[in-house]
Amino acid sequence: MTMLLATAAALFVAMMMVLIRLFAGPTLYDRVLAVNTFGTLTVLLLGLLGFITERPDFLDIAILYALINFVATIAILKFFRYRALGRRSPLAGE
């Protein structure tokens, strides 16, 4: 049990270090990478907490959060590259 709590503490410390990178990141891509890493560490922490508390519901929540994290990262990067999330049709201006 102490090993699992030590792992949770290490994940928490890693999350704090990623938050420092989020606010101190010199470029936009550093910040997006920090948000993605924070989401991944959150998924790991949710899975670990579900294992510690013996509640498998946390694993479902962790998988859902991982999917949301992935889609949000792709959407953010697409937005900052093209300045739009969707494709405009040629008839949209009429």
PDB file of N, CA and C in Angstrom:
ATOM      1  N   MET A   1       0.816  -1.199   0.000  1.00  0.00           N
ATOM      2  CA  MET A   1       0.000   0.000   0.000  1.00  0.00           C
ATOM      3  C   MET A   1       0.860   1.264   0.000  1.00  0.00           C
ATOM      4  N   THR A   2       1.978   1.228   0.726  1.00  0.00           N
ATOM      5  CA  THR A   2       2.836   2.407   0.771  1.00  0.00           C
ATOM      6  C   THR A   2       3.479   2.685  -0.584  1.00  0.00           C
ATOM      7  N   MET A   3       3.724   1.614  -1.363  1.00  0.00           N
ATOM      8  CA  MET A   3       4.302   1.804  -2.692  1.00  0.00           C
ATOM      9  C   MET A   3       3.304   2.517  -3.619  1.00  0.00           C
ATOM     10  N   LEU A   4       2.032   2.173  -3.478  1.00  0.00           N
ATOM     11  CA  LEU A   4       1.009   2.825  -4.297  1.00  0.00           C
ATOM     12  C   LEU A   4       0.846   4.290  -3.906  1.00  0.00           C
ATOM     13  N   LEU A   5       0.903   4.571  -2.632  1.00  0.00           N
ATOM     14  CA  LEU A   5       0.812   5.962  -2.182  1.00  0.00           C
ATOM     15  C   LEU A   5       2.042   6.759  -2.607  1.00  0.00           C
ATOM     16  N   ALA A   6       3.200   6.136  -2.613  1.00  0.00           N
ATOM     17  CA  ALA A   6       4.412   6.807  -3.093  1.00  0.00           C
ATOM     18  C   ALA A   6       4.301   7.102  -4.584  1.00  0.00           C
ATOM     19  N   THR A   7       3.704   6.179  -5.328  1.00  0.00           N
ATOM     20  CA  THR A   7       3.496   6.407  -6.758  1.00  0.00           C
ATOM     21  C   THR A   7       2.524   7.554  -6.982  1.00  0.00           C
ATOM     22  N   ALA A   8       1.458   7.604  -6.192  1.00  0.00           N
ATOM     23  CA  ALA A   8       0.504   8.714  -6.299  1.00  0.00           C
ATOM     24  C   ALA A   8       1.179  10.042  -5.963  1.00  0.00           C
ATOM     25  N   ALA A   9       2.028  10.043  -4.968  1.00  0.00           N
ATOM     26  CA  ALA A   9       2.754  11.272  -4.608  1.00  0.00           C
ATOM     27  C   ALA A   9       3.701  11.687  -5.732  1.00  0.00           C
ATOM     28  N   ALA A  10       4.354  10.720  -6.359  1.00  0.00           N
ATOM     29  CA  ALA A  10       5.261  11.042  -7.470  1.00  0.00           C
ATOM     30  C   ALA A  10       4.478  11.603  -8.654  1.00  0.00           C
ATOM     31  N   LEU A  11       3.302  11.049  -8.919  1.00  0.00           N
ATOM     32  CA  LEU A  11       2.462  11.589  -9.996  1.00  0.00           C
ATOM     33  C   LEU A  11       2.024  13.013  -9.669  1.00  0.00           C
ATOM     34  N   PHE A  12       1.695  13.259  -8.411  1.00  0.00           N
ATOM     35  CA  PHE A  12       1.293  14.596  -8.010  1.00  0.00           C
ATOM     36  C   PHE A  12       2.437  15.596  -8.173  1.00  0.00           C
ATOM     37  N   VAL A  13       3.649  15.196  -7.815  1.00  0.00           N
ATOM     38  CA  VAL A  13       4.818  16.073  -7.986  1.00  0.00           C
ATOM     39  C   VAL A  13       5.067  16.332  -9.467  1.00  0.00           C
ATOM     40  N   ALA A  14       4.921  15.298 -10.290  1.00  0.00           N
ATOM     41  CA  ALA A  14       5.100  15.476 -11.733  1.00  0.00           C
ATOM     42  C   ALA A  14       4.050  16.429 -12.290  1.00  0.00           C
ATOM     43  N   MET A  15       2.831  16.349 -11.771  1.00  0.00           N
ATOM     44  CA  MET A  15       1.778  17.265 -12.227  1.00  0.00           C
ATOM     45  C   MET A  15       2.113  18.713 -11.852  1.00  0.00           C
ATOM     46  N   MET A  16       2.681  18.916 -10.682  1.00  0.00           N
ATOM     47  CA  MET A  16       3.071  20.267 -10.278  1.00  0.00           C
ATOM     48  C   MET A  16       4.193  20.804 -11.176  1.00  0.00           C
ATOM     49  N   MET A  17       5.134  19.924 -11.540  1.00  0.00           N
ATOM     50  CA  MET A  17       6.222  20.350 -12.425  1.00  0.00           C
ATOM     51  C   MET A  17       5.696  20.689 -13.822  1.00  0.00           C
ATOM     52  N   VAL A  18       4.699  19.946 -14.279  1.00  0.00           N
ATOM     53  CA  VAL A  18       4.101  20.235 -15.586  1.00  0.00           C
ATOM     54  C   VAL A  18       3.343  21.561 -15.536  1.00  0.00           C
ATOM     55  N   LEU A  19       2.707  21.863 -14.397  1.00  0.00           N
ATOM     56  CA  LEU A  19       2.033  23.159 -14.276  1.00  0.00           C
ATOM     57  C   LEU A  19       3.028  24.312 -14.338  1.00  0.00           C
ATOM     58  N   ILE A  20       4.211  24.115 -13.781  1.00  0.00           N
ATOM     59  CA  ILE A  20       5.255  25.145 -13.890  1.00  0.00           C
ATOM     60  C   ILE A  20       5.634  25.349 -15.349  1.00  0.00           C
ATOM     61  N   ARG A  21       5.767  24.252 -16.099  1.00  0.00           N
ATOM     62  CA  ARG A  21       6.092  24.351 -17.523  1.00  0.00           C
ATOM     63  C   ARG A  21       4.959  25.026 -18.293  1.00  0.00           C
ATOM     64  N   LEU A  22       3.717  24.782 -17.853  1.00  0.00           N
ATOM     65  CA  LEU A  22       2.570  25.388 -18.526  1.00  0.00           C
ATOM     66  C   LEU A  22       2.617  26.908 -18.428  1.00  0.00           C
ATOM     67  N   PHE A  23       2.921  27.421 -17.260  1.00  0.00           N
ATOM     68  CA  PHE A  23       2.930  28.870 -17.082  1.00  0.00           C
ATOM     69  C   PHE A  23       4.238  29.515 -17.515  1.00  0.00           C
ATOM     70  N   ALA A  24       5.326  28.763 -17.552  1.00  0.00           N
ATOM     71  CA  ALA A  24       6.620  29.341 -17.915  1.00  0.00           C
ATOM     72  C   ALA A  24       7.038  29.021 -19.343  1.00  0.00           C
ATOM     73  N   GLY A  25       6.234  28.227 -20.050  1.00  0.00           N
ATOM     74  CA  GLY A  25       6.615  27.802 -21.399  1.00  0.00           C
ATOM     75  C   GLY A  25       6.809  28.979 -22.337  1.00  0.00           C
ATOM     76  N   PRO A  26       7.920  29.021 -23.034  1.00  0.00           N
ATOM     77  CA  PRO A  26       8.165  30.186 -23.888  1.00  0.00           C
ATOM     78  C   PRO A  26       7.306  30.189 -25.155  1.00  0.00           C
ATOM     79  N   THR A  27       6.905  29.034 -25.647  1.00  0.00           N
ATOM     80  CA  THR A  27       6.126  29.011 -26.885  1.00  0.00           C
ATOM     81  C   THR A  27       4.759  28.384 -26.636  1.00  0.00           C
ATOM     82  N   LEU A  28       3.905  28.564 -27.596  1.00  0.00           N
ATOM     83  CA  LEU A  28       2.559  27.999 -27.527  1.00  0.00           C
ATOM     84  C   LEU A  28       2.608  26.478 -27.502  1.00  0.00           C
ATOM     85  N   TYR A  29       3.504  25.901 -28.271  1.00  0.00           N
ATOM     86  CA  TYR A  29       3.569  24.438 -28.353  1.00  0.00           C
ATOM     87  C   TYR A  29       4.074  23.819 -27.049  1.00  0.00           C
ATOM     88  N   ASP A  30       4.928  24.541 -26.321  1.00  0.00           N
ATOM     89  CA  ASP A  30       5.328  24.077 -24.988  1.00  0.00           C
ATOM     90  C   ASP A  30       4.129  24.025 -24.054  1.00  0.00           C
ATOM     91  N   ARG A  31       3.279  25.024 -24.165  1.00  0.00           N
ATOM     92  CA  ARG A  31       2.095  25.064 -23.307  1.00  0.00           C
ATOM     93  C   ARG A  31       1.095  23.980 -23.680  1.00  0.00           C
ATOM     94  N   VAL A  32       0.899  23.740 -24.971  1.00  0.00           N
ATOM     95  CA  VAL A  32      -0.008  22.680 -25.407  1.00  0.00           C
ATOM     96  C   VAL A  32       0.532  21.319 -24.971  1.00  0.00           C
ATOM     97  N   LEU A  33       1.834  21.119 -25.091  1.00  0.00           N
ATOM     98  CA  LEU A  33       2.440  19.871 -24.644  1.00  0.00           C
ATOM     99  C   LEU A  33       2.284  19.692 -23.137  1.00  0.00           C
ATOM    100  N   ALA A  34       2.386  20.790 -22.383  1.00  0.00           N
ATOM    101  CA  ALA A  34       2.214  20.713 -20.940  1.00  0.00           C
ATOM    102  C   ALA A  34       0.772  20.349 -20.577  1.00  0.00           C
ATOM    103  N   VAL A  35      -0.192  20.902 -21.282  1.00  0.00           N
ATOM    104  CA  VAL A  35      -1.592  20.559 -21.028  1.00  0.00           C
ATOM    105  C   VAL A  35      -1.843  19.097 -21.359  1.00  0.00           C
ATOM    106  N   ASN A  36      -1.290  18.623 -22.468  1.00  0.00           N
ATOM    107  CA  ASN A  36      -1.450  17.215 -22.845  1.00  0.00           C
ATOM    108  C   ASN A  36      -0.786  16.296 -21.816  1.00  0.00           C
ATOM    109  N   THR A  37       0.389  16.650 -21.357  1.00  0.00           N
ATOM    110  CA  THR A  37       1.074  15.851 -20.349  1.00  0.00           C
ATOM    111  C   THR A  37       0.315  15.857 -19.031  1.00  0.00           C
ATOM    112  N   PHE A  38      -0.245  17.009 -18.676  1.00  0.00           N
ATOM    113  CA  PHE A  38      -1.042  17.083 -17.456  1.00  0.00           C
ATOM    114  C   PHE A  38      -2.261  16.166 -17.559  1.00  0.00           C
ATOM    115  N   GLY A  39      -2.889  16.131 -18.723  1.00  0.00           N
ATOM    116  CA  GLY A  39      -4.026  15.235 -18.930  1.00  0.00           C
ATOM    117  C   GLY A  39      -3.624  13.776 -18.829  1.00  0.00           C
ATOM    118  N   THR A  40      -2.478  13.429 -19.374  1.00  0.00           N
ATOM    119  CA  THR A  40      -1.997  12.056 -19.299  1.00  0.00           C
ATOM    120  C   THR A  40      -1.688  11.662 -17.861  1.00  0.00           C
ATOM    121  N   LEU A  41      -1.067  12.561 -17.115  1.00  0.00           N
ATOM    122  CA  LEU A  41      -0.783  12.275 -15.705  1.00  0.00           C
ATOM    123  C   LEU A  41      -2.078  12.175 -14.890  1.00  0.00           C
ATOM    124  N   THR A  42      -3.087  12.947 -15.269  1.00  0.00           N
ATOM    125  CA  THR A  42      -4.380  12.846 -14.604  1.00  0.00           C
ATOM    126  C   THR A  42      -5.018  11.492 -14.856  1.00  0.00           C
ATOM    127  N   VAL A  43      -4.902  10.993 -16.085  1.00  0.00           N
ATOM    128  CA  VAL A  43      -5.430   9.663 -16.407  1.00  0.00           C
ATOM    129  C   VAL A  43      -4.716   8.601 -15.575  1.00  0.00           C
ATOM    130  N   LEU A  44      -3.413   8.706 -15.460  1.00  0.00           N
ATOM    131  CA  LEU A  44      -2.658   7.758 -14.640  1.00  0.00           C
ATOM    132  C   LEU A  44      -3.066   7.835 -13.167  1.00  0.00           C
ATOM    133  N   LEU A  45      -3.252   9.048 -12.676  1.00  0.00           N
ATOM    134  CA  LEU A  45      -3.643   9.217 -11.277  1.00  0.00           C
ATOM    135  C   LEU A  45      -5.046   8.662 -11.032  1.00  0.00           C
ATOM    136  N   LEU A  46      -5.962   8.876 -11.972  1.00  0.00           N
ATOM    137  CA  LEU A  46      -7.306   8.318 -11.827  1.00  0.00           C
ATOM    138  C   LEU A  46      -7.278   6.793 -11.814  1.00  0.00           C
ATOM    139  N   GLY A  47      -6.493   6.206 -12.701  1.00  0.00           N
ATOM    140  CA  GLY A  47      -6.369   4.753 -12.711  1.00  0.00           C
ATOM    141  C   GLY A  47      -5.763   4.227 -11.427  1.00  0.00           C
ATOM    142  N   LEU A  48      -4.764   4.918 -10.916  1.00  0.00           N
ATOM    143  CA  LEU A  48      -4.123   4.494  -9.669  1.00  0.00           C
ATOM    144  C   LEU A  48      -5.073   4.631  -8.484  1.00  0.00           C
ATOM    145  N   LEU A  49      -5.814   5.732  -8.432  1.00  0.00           N
ATOM    146  CA  LEU A  49      -6.769   5.910  -7.342  1.00  0.00           C
ATOM    147  C   LEU A  49      -7.884   4.872  -7.407  1.00  0.00           C
ATOM    148  N   GLY A  50      -8.301   4.526  -8.608  1.00  0.00           N
ATOM    149  CA  GLY A  50      -9.290   3.463  -8.752  1.00  0.00           C
ATOM    150  C   GLY A  50      -8.755   2.134  -8.268  1.00  0.00           C
ATOM    151  N   PHE A  51      -7.483   1.881  -8.510  1.00  0.00           N
ATOM    152  CA  PHE A  51      -6.863   0.637  -8.043  1.00  0.00           C
ATOM    153  C   PHE A  51      -6.717   0.625  -6.523  1.00  0.00           C
ATOM    154  N   ILE A  52      -6.320   1.770  -5.956  1.00  0.00           N
ATOM    155  CA  ILE A  52      -6.136   1.850  -4.508  1.00  0.00           C
ATOM    156  C   ILE A  52      -7.470   1.671  -3.778  1.00  0.00           C
ATOM    157  N   THR A  53      -8.506   2.333  -4.273  1.00  0.00           N
ATOM    158  CA  THR A  53      -9.809   2.274  -3.605  1.00  0.00           C
ATOM    159  C   THR A  53     -10.642   1.074  -4.042  1.00  0.00           C
ATOM    160  N   GLU A  54     -10.114   0.265  -4.937  1.00  0.00           N
ATOM    161  CA  GLU A  54     -10.791  -0.924  -5.456  1.00  0.00           C
ATOM    162  C   GLU A  54     -12.141  -0.585  -6.085  1.00  0.00           C
ATOM    163  N   ARG A  55     -12.153   0.491  -6.843  1.00  0.00           N
ATOM    164  CA  ARG A  55     -13.362   0.897  -7.569  1.00  0.00           C
ATOM    165  C   ARG A  55     -13.027   0.933  -9.052  1.00  0.00           C
ATOM    166  N   PRO A  56     -13.506  -0.038  -9.817  1.00  0.00           N
ATOM    167  CA  PRO A  56     -13.197  -0.063 -11.246  1.00  0.00           C
ATOM    168  C   PRO A  56     -13.891   1.040 -12.046  1.00  0.00           C
ATOM    169  N   ASP A  57     -14.802   1.772 -11.423  1.00  0.00           N
ATOM    170  CA  ASP A  57     -15.462   2.879 -12.120  1.00  0.00           C
ATOM    171  C   ASP A  57     -14.459   3.948 -12.531  1.00  0.00           C
ATOM    172  N   PHE A  58     -13.429   4.112 -11.733  1.00  0.00           N
ATOM    173  CA  PHE A  58     -12.417   5.124 -12.031  1.00  0.00           C
ATOM    174  C   PHE A  58     -11.698   4.827 -13.345  1.00  0.00           C
ATOM    175  N   LEU A  59     -11.585   3.572 -13.716  1.00  0.00           N
ATOM    176  CA  LEU A  59     -10.919   3.224 -14.968  1.00  0.00           C
ATOM    177  C   LEU A  59     -11.743   3.683 -16.159  1.00  0.00           C
ATOM    178  N   ASP A  60     -13.061   3.562 -16.070  1.00  0.00           N
ATOM    179  CA  ASP A  60     -13.928   4.071 -17.132  1.00  0.00           C
ATOM    180  C   ASP A  60     -13.793   5.582 -17.273  1.00  0.00           C
ATOM    181  N   ILE A  61     -13.755   6.262 -16.143  1.00  0.00           N
ATOM    182  CA  ILE A  61     -13.600   7.717 -16.163  1.00  0.00           C
ATOM    183  C   ILE A  61     -12.236   8.091 -16.735  1.00  0.00           C
ATOM    184  N   ALA A  62     -11.202   7.337 -16.392  1.00  0.00           N
ATOM    185  CA  ALA A  62      -9.856   7.617 -16.901  1.00  0.00           C
ATOM    186  C   ALA A  62      -9.787   7.434 -18.412  1.00  0.00           C
ATOM    187  N   ILE A  63     -10.429   6.388 -18.930  1.00  0.00           N
ATOM    188  CA  ILE A  63     -10.424   6.163 -20.381  1.00  0.00           C
ATOM    189  C   ILE A  63     -11.175   7.282 -21.098  1.00  0.00           C
ATOM    190  N   LEU A  64     -12.308   7.702 -20.549  1.00  0.00           N
ATOM    191  CA  LEU A  64     -13.063   8.800 -21.144  1.00  0.00           C
ATOM    192  C   LEU A  64     -12.254  10.092 -21.124  1.00  0.00           C
ATOM    193  N   TYR A  65     -11.568  10.355 -20.015  1.00  0.00           N
ATOM    194  CA  TYR A  65     -10.751  11.553 -19.921  1.00  0.00           C
ATOM    195  C   TYR A  65      -9.577  11.504 -20.900  1.00  0.00           C
ATOM    196  N   ALA A  66      -9.023  10.319 -21.121  1.00  0.00           N
ATOM    197  CA  ALA A  66      -7.929  10.179 -22.083  1.00  0.00           C
ATOM    198  C   ALA A  66      -8.413  10.506 -23.498  1.00  0.00           C
ATOM    199  N   LEU A  67      -9.604  10.047 -23.847  1.00  0.00           N
ATOM    200  CA  LEU A  67     -10.147  10.357 -25.173  1.00  0.00           C
ATOM    201  C   LEU A  67     -10.417  11.847 -25.333  1.00  0.00           C
ATOM    202  N   ILE A  68     -10.978  12.468 -24.306  1.00  0.00           N
ATOM    203  CA  ILE A  68     -11.230  13.907 -24.356  1.00  0.00           C
ATOM    204  C   ILE A  68      -9.916  14.674 -24.455  1.00  0.00           C
ATOM    205  N   ASN A  69      -8.912  14.236 -23.723  1.00  0.00           N
ATOM    206  CA  ASN A  69      -7.596  14.878 -23.758  1.00  0.00           C
ATOM    207  C   ASN A  69      -6.991  14.800 -25.154  1.00  0.00           C
ATOM    208  N   PHE A  70      -7.094  13.643 -25.789  1.00  0.00           N
ATOM    209  CA  PHE A  70      -6.532  13.470 -27.133  1.00  0.00           C
ATOM    210  C   PHE A  70      -7.249  14.357 -28.147  1.00  0.00           C
ATOM    211  N   VAL A  71      -8.567  14.336 -28.136  1.00  0.00           N
ATOM    212  CA  VAL A  71      -9.336  15.129 -29.101  1.00  0.00           C
ATOM    213  C   VAL A  71      -9.111  16.623 -28.872  1.00  0.00           C
ATOM    214  N   ALA A  72      -9.049  17.043 -27.618  1.00  0.00           N
ATOM    215  CA  ALA A  72      -8.837  18.459 -27.327  1.00  0.00           C
ATOM    216  C   ALA A  72      -7.458  18.920 -27.782  1.00  0.00           C
ATOM    217  N   THR A  73      -6.450  18.091 -27.614  1.00  0.00           N
ATOM    218  CA  THR A  73      -5.103  18.464 -28.060  1.00  0.00           C
ATOM    219  C   THR A  73      -5.050  18.620 -29.569  1.00  0.00           C
ATOM    220  N   ILE A  74      -5.653  17.696 -30.291  1.00  0.00           N
ATOM    221  CA  ILE A  74      -5.689  17.793 -31.746  1.00  0.00           C
ATOM    222  C   ILE A  74      -6.464  19.033 -32.181  1.00  0.00           C
ATOM    223  N   ALA A  75      -7.587  19.315 -31.527  1.00  0.00           N
ATOM    224  CA  ALA A  75      -8.388  20.487 -31.884  1.00  0.00           C
ATOM    225  C   ALA A  75      -7.632  21.782 -31.611  1.00  0.00           C
ATOM    226  N   ILE A  76      -6.937  21.862 -30.492  1.00  0.00           N
ATOM    227  CA  ILE A  76      -6.180  23.078 -30.168  1.00  0.00           C
ATOM    228  C   ILE A  76      -5.066  23.303 -31.183  1.00  0.00           C
ATOM    229  N   LEU A  77      -4.331  22.245 -31.504  1.00  0.00           N
ATOM    230  CA  LEU A  77      -3.241  22.397 -32.477  1.00  0.00           C
ATOM    231  C   LEU A  77      -3.771  22.746 -33.866  1.00  0.00           C
ATOM    232  N   LYS A  78      -4.894  22.167 -34.259  1.00  0.00           N
ATOM    233  CA  LYS A  78      -5.480  22.507 -35.562  1.00  0.00           C
ATOM    234  C   LYS A  78      -5.954  23.954 -35.573  1.00  0.00           C
ATOM    235  N   PHE A  79      -6.541  24.393 -34.479  1.00  0.00           N
ATOM    236  CA  PHE A  79      -7.000  25.769 -34.420  1.00  0.00           C
ATOM    237  C   PHE A  79      -5.850  26.750 -34.539  1.00  0.00           C
ATOM    238  N   PHE A  80      -4.753  26.493 -33.830  1.00  0.00           N
ATOM    239  CA  PHE A  80      -3.638  27.435 -33.887  1.00  0.00           C
ATOM    240  C   PHE A  80      -2.873  27.358 -35.195  1.00  0.00           C
ATOM    241  N   ARG A  81      -3.025  26.283 -35.934  1.00  0.00           N
ATOM    242  CA  ARG A  81      -2.355  26.209 -37.222  1.00  0.00           C
ATOM    243  C   ARG A  81      -3.178  26.867 -38.323  1.00  0.00           C
ATOM    244  N   TYR A  82      -4.498  26.589 -38.341  1.00  0.00           N
ATOM    245  CA  TYR A  82      -5.342  27.082 -39.426  1.00  0.00           C
ATOM    246  C   TYR A  82      -6.242  28.240 -39.012  1.00  0.00           C
ATOM    247  N   ARG A  83      -6.276  28.603 -37.740  1.00  0.00           N
ATOM    248  CA  ARG A  83      -7.132  29.649 -37.192  1.00  0.00           C
ATOM    249  C   ARG A  83      -8.615  29.361 -37.394  1.00  0.00           C
ATOM    250  N   ALA A  84      -8.961  28.089 -37.576  1.00  0.00           N
ATOM    251  CA  ALA A  84     -10.351  27.655 -37.685  1.00  0.00           C
ATOM    252  C   ALA A  84     -10.405  26.169 -37.355  1.00  0.00           C
ATOM    253  N   LEU A  85     -11.526  25.730 -36.801  1.00  0.00           N
ATOM    254  CA  LEU A  85     -11.665  24.318 -36.480  1.00  0.00           C
ATOM    255  C   LEU A  85     -12.321  23.538 -37.607  1.00  0.00           C
ATOM    256  N   GLY A  86     -13.186  24.190 -38.354  1.00  0.00           N
ATOM    257  CA  GLY A  86     -13.885  23.509 -39.439  1.00  0.00           C
ATOM    258  C   GLY A  86     -13.402  23.995 -40.787  1.00  0.00           C
ATOM    259  N   ARG A  87     -13.794  23.301 -41.817  1.00  0.00           N
ATOM    260  CA  ARG A  87     -13.438  23.696 -43.178  1.00  0.00           C
ATOM    261  C   ARG A  87     -14.595  24.490 -43.758  1.00  0.00           C
ATOM    262  N   ARG A  88     -14.299  25.631 -44.302  1.00  0.00           N
ATOM    263  CA  ARG A  88     -15.338  26.456 -44.913  1.00  0.00           C
ATOM    264  C   ARG A  88     -15.586  25.992 -46.330  1.00  0.00           C
ATOM    265  N   SER A  89     -16.826  25.908 -46.683  1.00  0.00           N
ATOM    266  CA  SER A  89     -17.153  25.510 -48.047  1.00  0.00           C
ATOM    267  C   SER A  89     -17.090  26.729 -48.952  1.00  0.00           C
ATOM    268  N   PRO A  90     -16.888  26.515 -50.256  1.00  0.00           N
ATOM    269  CA  PRO A  90     -16.839  27.662 -51.176  1.00  0.00           C
ATOM    270  C   PRO A  90     -18.156  28.432 -51.215  1.00  0.00           C
ATOM    271  N   LEU A  91     -19.255  27.819 -50.878  1.00  0.00           N
ATOM    272  CA  LEU A  91     -20.567  28.472 -50.922  1.00  0.00           C
ATOM    273  C   LEU A  91     -20.887  29.210 -49.630  1.00  0.00           C
ATOM    274  N   ALA A  92     -20.024  29.170 -48.660  1.00  0.00           N
ATOM    275  CA  ALA A  92     -20.305  29.765 -47.362  1.00  0.00           C
ATOM    276  C   ALA A  92     -20.371  31.282 -47.434  1.00  0.00           C
ATOM    277  N   GLY A  93     -19.698  31.891 -48.367  1.00  0.00           N
ATOM    278  CA  GLY A  93     -19.688  33.340 -48.480  1.00  0.00           C
ATOM    279  C   GLY A  93     -20.920  33.892 -49.181  1.00  0.00           C
ATOM    280  N   GLU A  94     -21.714  33.050 -49.790  1.00  0.00           N
ATOM    281  CA  GLU A  94     -22.873  33.545 -50.540  1.00  0.00           C
ATOM    282  C   GLU A  94     -24.094  33.683 -49.696  1.00  0.00           C
TER     283      GLU A  94
END
